[in-house]
Amino acid sequence: MIEIISSGIVPFIVLLILIHGYVKGVNIYDAFIEGAVGGLKTVIKIMPALIAIFIAVGILRDSNALDMFTDLLSPVTNFLGIPKEILPLILIRPISGSGALAVVKDTISHHGPDSFLGVLASVMMGSSETILYTITLYFGSIGIEDYRHTLKAALISYLISIFVTIFICGLLY
């Protein structure tokens, strides 16, 4: 039953949108083209910032800078109860989802999916956001340049999520 629903839901929603547009008297094709042009303009507008983020993440991952930074912060993370092995994920996740996914894959392949670190990395990946990417995408697409309060609030919530995730996963193990 679920397979039938899941395979038919997207065509059903598209059909529902087409019927709604027809009933409202909207020229559906022109509205689609206008939306596609607007989307393309948005992509072109935010492309430089996205390229800069991806290059920075690539440099961090491919150089030893992330490993050196992890070693440098390990006394502090040990004091706070944060496993050293999870620190690269904590540092990369706010910047890049794909970079963080690579770190999670590496963590799971080295420690196993059912280990404390594997579960911790999975929960952390699923319960946090790529803050800088999201702010760049959404604020850049509508032209907002002053996002300092949003960034502060997002980073504070991210820090809280790190400690909550470690606490909850620690209760499970």
C-alpha atoms as a PDB file:
ATOM      1  CA  MET A   1       0.000   0.000   0.000  1.00  0.00           C
ATOM      2  CA  ILE A   2       2.832   2.416   0.899  1.00  0.00           C
ATOM      3  CA  GLU A   3       4.558   1.725  -2.443  1.00  0.00           C
ATOM      4  CA  ILE A   4       1.394   2.591  -4.360  1.00  0.00           C
ATOM      5  CA  ILE A   5       0.917   5.816  -2.405  1.00  0.00           C
ATOM      6  CA  SER A   6       4.567   6.859  -2.674  1.00  0.00           C
ATOM      7  CA  SER A   7       4.733   6.234  -6.427  1.00  0.00           C
ATOM      8  CA  GLY A   8       1.505   8.120  -7.067  1.00  0.00           C
ATOM      9  CA  ILE A   9       1.823  11.082  -4.706  1.00  0.00           C
ATOM     10  CA  VAL A  10       4.053  13.291  -6.902  1.00  0.00           C
ATOM     11  CA  PRO A  11       1.923  12.922 -10.052  1.00  0.00           C
ATOM     12  CA  PHE A  12      -1.166  13.518  -7.904  1.00  0.00           C
ATOM     13  CA  ILE A  13       0.267  16.755  -6.475  1.00  0.00           C
ATOM     14  CA  VAL A  14       1.275  17.953  -9.965  1.00  0.00           C
ATOM     15  CA  LEU A  15      -2.218  17.178 -11.236  1.00  0.00           C
ATOM     16  CA  LEU A  16      -3.742  18.983  -8.259  1.00  0.00           C
ATOM     17  CA  ILE A  17      -1.614  22.078  -8.984  1.00  0.00           C
ATOM     18  CA  LEU A  18      -2.605  22.018 -12.657  1.00  0.00           C
ATOM     19  CA  ILE A  19      -6.303  21.708 -11.805  1.00  0.00           C
ATOM     20  CA  HIS A  20      -6.074  24.495  -9.218  1.00  0.00           C
ATOM     21  CA  GLY A  21      -4.318  26.779 -11.728  1.00  0.00           C
ATOM     22  CA  TYR A  22      -6.928  26.015 -14.381  1.00  0.00           C
ATOM     23  CA  VAL A  23      -9.798  26.717 -11.982  1.00  0.00           C
ATOM     24  CA  LYS A  24      -8.196  30.031 -10.922  1.00  0.00           C
ATOM     25  CA  GLY A  25      -7.632  31.015 -14.552  1.00  0.00           C
ATOM     26  CA  VAL A  26      -3.851  31.088 -14.338  1.00  0.00           C
ATOM     27  CA  ASN A  27      -1.799  30.587 -17.488  1.00  0.00           C
ATOM     28  CA  ILE A  28       0.135  27.648 -16.045  1.00  0.00           C
ATOM     29  CA  TYR A  29       2.842  27.488 -18.698  1.00  0.00           C
ATOM     30  CA  ASP A  30       3.674  31.203 -18.424  1.00  0.00           C
ATOM     31  CA  ALA A  31       3.720  30.965 -14.615  1.00  0.00           C
ATOM     32  CA  PHE A  32       6.079  27.981 -14.838  1.00  0.00           C
ATOM     33  CA  ILE A  33       8.435  29.812 -17.218  1.00  0.00           C
ATOM     34  CA  GLU A  34       8.366  32.928 -15.016  1.00  0.00           C
ATOM     35  CA  GLY A  35       9.241  30.822 -11.966  1.00  0.00           C
ATOM     36  CA  ALA A  36      12.043  29.047 -13.808  1.00  0.00           C
ATOM     37  CA  VAL A  37      13.546  32.382 -14.910  1.00  0.00           C
ATOM     38  CA  GLY A  38      13.306  33.696 -11.336  1.00  0.00           C
ATOM     39  CA  GLY A  39      14.995  30.551 -10.030  1.00  0.00           C
ATOM     40  CA  LEU A  40      17.796  30.872 -12.560  1.00  0.00           C
ATOM     41  CA  LYS A  41      18.362  34.511 -11.558  1.00  0.00           C
ATOM     42  CA  THR A  42      18.560  33.432  -7.915  1.00  0.00           C
ATOM     43  CA  VAL A  43      21.102  30.723  -8.715  1.00  0.00           C
ATOM     44  CA  ILE A  44      23.291  33.166 -10.626  1.00  0.00           C
ATOM     45  CA  LYS A  45      23.015  35.711  -7.810  1.00  0.00           C
ATOM     46  CA  ILE A  46      24.170  33.340  -5.055  1.00  0.00           C
ATOM     47  CA  MET A  47      26.658  31.292  -7.087  1.00  0.00           C
ATOM     48  CA  PRO A  48      29.819  33.220  -6.043  1.00  0.00           C
ATOM     49  CA  ALA A  49      29.112  32.738  -2.330  1.00  0.00           C
ATOM     50  CA  LEU A  50      28.363  29.041  -2.793  1.00  0.00           C
ATOM     51  CA  ILE A  51      31.547  28.494  -4.797  1.00  0.00           C
ATOM     52  CA  ALA A  52      33.551  30.228  -2.048  1.00  0.00           C
ATOM     53  CA  ILE A  53      32.025  27.950   0.614  1.00  0.00           C
ATOM     54  CA  PHE A  54      32.696  24.790  -1.400  1.00  0.00           C
ATOM     55  CA  ILE A  55      36.301  25.794  -2.096  1.00  0.00           C
ATOM     56  CA  ALA A  56      36.920  26.585   1.580  1.00  0.00           C
ATOM     57  CA  VAL A  57      35.505  23.216   2.659  1.00  0.00           C
ATOM     58  CA  GLY A  58      37.581  21.409   0.046  1.00  0.00           C
ATOM     59  CA  ILE A  59      40.731  23.127   1.245  1.00  0.00           C
ATOM     60  CA  LEU A  60      39.962  22.235   4.867  1.00  0.00           C
ATOM     61  CA  ARG A  61      39.244  18.596   4.060  1.00  0.00           C
ATOM     62  CA  ASP A  62      42.135  18.007   1.686  1.00  0.00           C
ATOM     63  CA  SER A  63      44.798  19.736   3.740  1.00  0.00           C
ATOM     64  CA  ASN A  64      45.846  18.691   7.198  1.00  0.00           C
ATOM     65  CA  ALA A  65      44.456  21.919   8.649  1.00  0.00           C
ATOM     66  CA  LEU A  66      41.366  20.195  10.039  1.00  0.00           C
ATOM     67  CA  ASP A  67      43.460  17.474  11.696  1.00  0.00           C
ATOM     68  CA  MET A  68      45.831  20.044  13.182  1.00  0.00           C
ATOM     69  CA  PHE A  69      42.926  22.119  14.456  1.00  0.00           C
ATOM     70  CA  THR A  70      41.350  18.992  15.966  1.00  0.00           C
ATOM     71  CA  ASP A  71      44.596  18.156  17.775  1.00  0.00           C
ATOM     72  CA  LEU A  72      44.866  21.737  18.992  1.00  0.00           C
ATOM     73  CA  LEU A  73      41.327  21.726  20.418  1.00  0.00           C
ATOM     74  CA  SER A  74      41.442  18.222  21.886  1.00  0.00           C
ATOM     75  CA  PRO A  75      42.304  19.351  25.462  1.00  0.00           C
ATOM     76  CA  VAL A  76      39.251  21.622  25.485  1.00  0.00           C
ATOM     77  CA  THR A  77      36.970  19.004  23.938  1.00  0.00           C
ATOM     78  CA  ASN A  78      38.187  16.362  26.384  1.00  0.00           C
ATOM     79  CA  PHE A  79      37.339  18.710  29.258  1.00  0.00           C
ATOM     80  CA  LEU A  80      33.852  19.340  27.789  1.00  0.00           C
ATOM     81  CA  GLY A  81      33.243  15.638  27.166  1.00  0.00           C
ATOM     82  CA  ILE A  82      33.249  15.902  23.388  1.00  0.00           C
ATOM     83  CA  PRO A  83      34.927  12.939  21.692  1.00  0.00           C
ATOM     84  CA  LYS A  84      37.957  14.028  19.648  1.00  0.00           C
ATOM     85  CA  GLU A  85      36.815  11.873  16.718  1.00  0.00           C
ATOM     86  CA  ILE A  86      33.575  13.844  16.343  1.00  0.00           C
ATOM     87  CA  LEU A  87      35.259  17.276  16.274  1.00  0.00           C
ATOM     88  CA  PRO A  88      35.758  17.348  12.468  1.00  0.00           C
ATOM     89  CA  LEU A  89      31.999  16.844  12.057  1.00  0.00           C
ATOM     90  CA  ILE A  90      31.277  19.625  14.539  1.00  0.00           C
ATOM     91  CA  LEU A  91      33.552  21.982  12.613  1.00  0.00           C
ATOM     92  CA  ILE A  92      32.408  21.089   9.081  1.00  0.00           C
ATOM     93  CA  ARG A  93      28.638  20.658   9.602  1.00  0.00           C
ATOM     94  CA  PRO A  94      27.737  24.375   9.788  1.00  0.00           C
ATOM     95  CA  ILE A  95      29.653  24.982   6.553  1.00  0.00           C
ATOM     96  CA  SER A  96      28.929  22.053   4.252  1.00  0.00           C
ATOM     97  CA  GLY A  97      26.410  19.237   4.223  1.00  0.00           C
ATOM     98  CA  SER A  98      28.370  17.165   1.735  1.00  0.00           C
ATOM     99  CA  GLY A  99      31.613  17.680   3.650  1.00  0.00           C
ATOM    100  CA  ALA A 100      29.871  16.679   6.876  1.00  0.00           C
ATOM    101  CA  LEU A 101      28.397  13.629   5.171  1.00  0.00           C
ATOM    102  CA  ALA A 102      31.904  12.583   4.148  1.00  0.00           C
ATOM    103  CA  VAL A 103      33.025  12.936   7.775  1.00  0.00           C
ATOM    104  CA  VAL A 104      30.048  10.860   8.967  1.00  0.00           C
ATOM    105  CA  LYS A 105      30.832   8.193   6.373  1.00  0.00           C
ATOM    106  CA  ASP A 106      34.443   8.120   7.523  1.00  0.00           C
ATOM    107  CA  THR A 107      33.396   7.916  11.190  1.00  0.00           C
ATOM    108  CA  ILE A 108      30.966   5.076  10.524  1.00  0.00           C
ATOM    109  CA  SER A 109      33.473   3.155   8.390  1.00  0.00           C
ATOM    110  CA  HIS A 110      36.171   3.404  11.101  1.00  0.00           C
ATOM    111  CA  HIS A 111      34.035   2.878  14.216  1.00  0.00           C
ATOM    112  CA  GLY A 112      30.927   1.073  12.930  1.00  0.00           C
ATOM    113  CA  PRO A 113      27.311   2.187  12.636  1.00  0.00           C
ATOM    114  CA  ASP A 114      26.282   0.807  16.032  1.00  0.00           C
ATOM    115  CA  SER A 115      29.199   2.288  17.972  1.00  0.00           C
ATOM    116  CA  PHE A 116      28.794   5.340  20.174  1.00  0.00           C
ATOM    117  CA  LEU A 117      30.676   7.496  17.660  1.00  0.00           C
ATOM    118  CA  GLY A 118      28.686   6.129  14.715  1.00  0.00           C
ATOM    119  CA  VAL A 119      25.363   6.849  16.384  1.00  0.00           C
ATOM    120  CA  LEU A 120      26.590  10.221  17.648  1.00  0.00           C
ATOM    121  CA  ALA A 121      27.731  11.260  14.156  1.00  0.00           C
ATOM    122  CA  SER A 122      24.445  10.102  12.621  1.00  0.00           C
ATOM    123  CA  VAL A 123      22.292  11.925  15.158  1.00  0.00           C
ATOM    124  CA  MET A 124      24.438  15.050  14.878  1.00  0.00           C
ATOM    125  CA  MET A 125      24.160  14.978  11.098  1.00  0.00           C
ATOM    126  CA  GLY A 126      20.400  14.584  11.201  1.00  0.00           C
ATOM    127  CA  SER A 127      19.723  17.142  13.913  1.00  0.00           C
ATOM    128  CA  SER A 128      21.772  20.087  12.714  1.00  0.00           C
ATOM    129  CA  GLU A 129      21.849  22.373   9.707  1.00  0.00           C
ATOM    130  CA  THR A 130      24.457  23.721   7.330  1.00  0.00           C
ATOM    131  CA  ILE A 131      24.124  27.192   8.808  1.00  0.00           C
ATOM    132  CA  LEU A 132      26.427  29.179   6.526  1.00  0.00           C
ATOM    133  CA  TYR A 133      25.129  27.501   3.377  1.00  0.00           C
ATOM    134  CA  THR A 134      21.505  28.050   4.372  1.00  0.00           C
ATOM    135  CA  ILE A 135      22.018  31.681   5.347  1.00  0.00           C
ATOM    136  CA  THR A 136      23.935  32.314   2.121  1.00  0.00           C
ATOM    137  CA  LEU A 137      21.248  30.653   0.040  1.00  0.00           C
ATOM    138  CA  TYR A 138      18.121  32.142   1.580  1.00  0.00           C
ATOM    139  CA  PHE A 139      19.338  35.578   2.576  1.00  0.00           C
ATOM    140  CA  GLY A 140      21.336  35.966  -0.633  1.00  0.00           C
ATOM    141  CA  SER A 141      18.362  35.021  -2.779  1.00  0.00           C
ATOM    142  CA  ILE A 142      16.242  37.846  -1.367  1.00  0.00           C
ATOM    143  CA  GLY A 143      19.059  40.379  -1.044  1.00  0.00           C
ATOM    144  CA  ILE A 144      19.407  40.619   2.738  1.00  0.00           C
ATOM    145  CA  GLU A 145      22.961  41.568   3.653  1.00  0.00           C
ATOM    146  CA  ASP A 146      22.661  42.099   7.412  1.00  0.00           C
ATOM    147  CA  TYR A 147      22.167  38.675   8.938  1.00  0.00           C
ATOM    148  CA  ARG A 148      24.342  38.945  12.027  1.00  0.00           C
ATOM    149  CA  HIS A 149      21.512  38.270  14.503  1.00  0.00           C
ATOM    150  CA  THR A 150      20.372  35.237  12.548  1.00  0.00           C
ATOM    151  CA  LEU A 151      23.918  33.915  12.410  1.00  0.00           C
ATOM    152  CA  LYS A 152      24.409  34.387  16.156  1.00  0.00           C
ATOM    153  CA  ALA A 153      21.135  32.655  16.982  1.00  0.00           C
ATOM    154  CA  ALA A 154      21.879  29.805  14.581  1.00  0.00           C
ATOM    155  CA  LEU A 155      25.379  29.233  15.981  1.00  0.00           C
ATOM    156  CA  ILE A 156      24.116  29.305  19.573  1.00  0.00           C
ATOM    157  CA  SER A 157      21.422  26.764  18.739  1.00  0.00           C
ATOM    158  CA  TYR A 158      24.046  24.636  16.988  1.00  0.00           C
ATOM    159  CA  LEU A 159      26.288  24.658  20.062  1.00  0.00           C
ATOM    160  CA  ILE A 160      23.338  23.672  22.244  1.00  0.00           C
ATOM    161  CA  SER A 161      22.440  20.864  19.829  1.00  0.00           C
ATOM    162  CA  ILE A 162      25.990  19.481  20.085  1.00  0.00           C
ATOM    163  CA  PHE A 163      25.803  19.117  23.861  1.00  0.00           C
ATOM    164  CA  VAL A 164      22.217  17.803  23.802  1.00  0.00           C
ATOM    165  CA  THR A 165      23.164  15.221  21.173  1.00  0.00           C
ATOM    166  CA  ILE A 166      26.188  14.062  23.162  1.00  0.00           C
ATOM    167  CA  PHE A 167      24.083  13.870  26.338  1.00  0.00           C
ATOM    168  CA  ILE A 168      21.240  11.901  24.741  1.00  0.00           C
ATOM    169  CA  CYS A 169      23.567   9.525  22.879  1.00  0.00           C
ATOM    170  CA  GLY A 170      25.519   9.091  26.122  1.00  0.00           C
ATOM    171  CA  LEU A 171      22.304   7.974  27.822  1.00  0.00           C
ATOM    172  CA  LEU A 172      21.831   5.317  25.136  1.00  0.00           C
ATOM    173  CA  TYR A 173      25.324   3.903  25.598  1.00  0.00           C
END
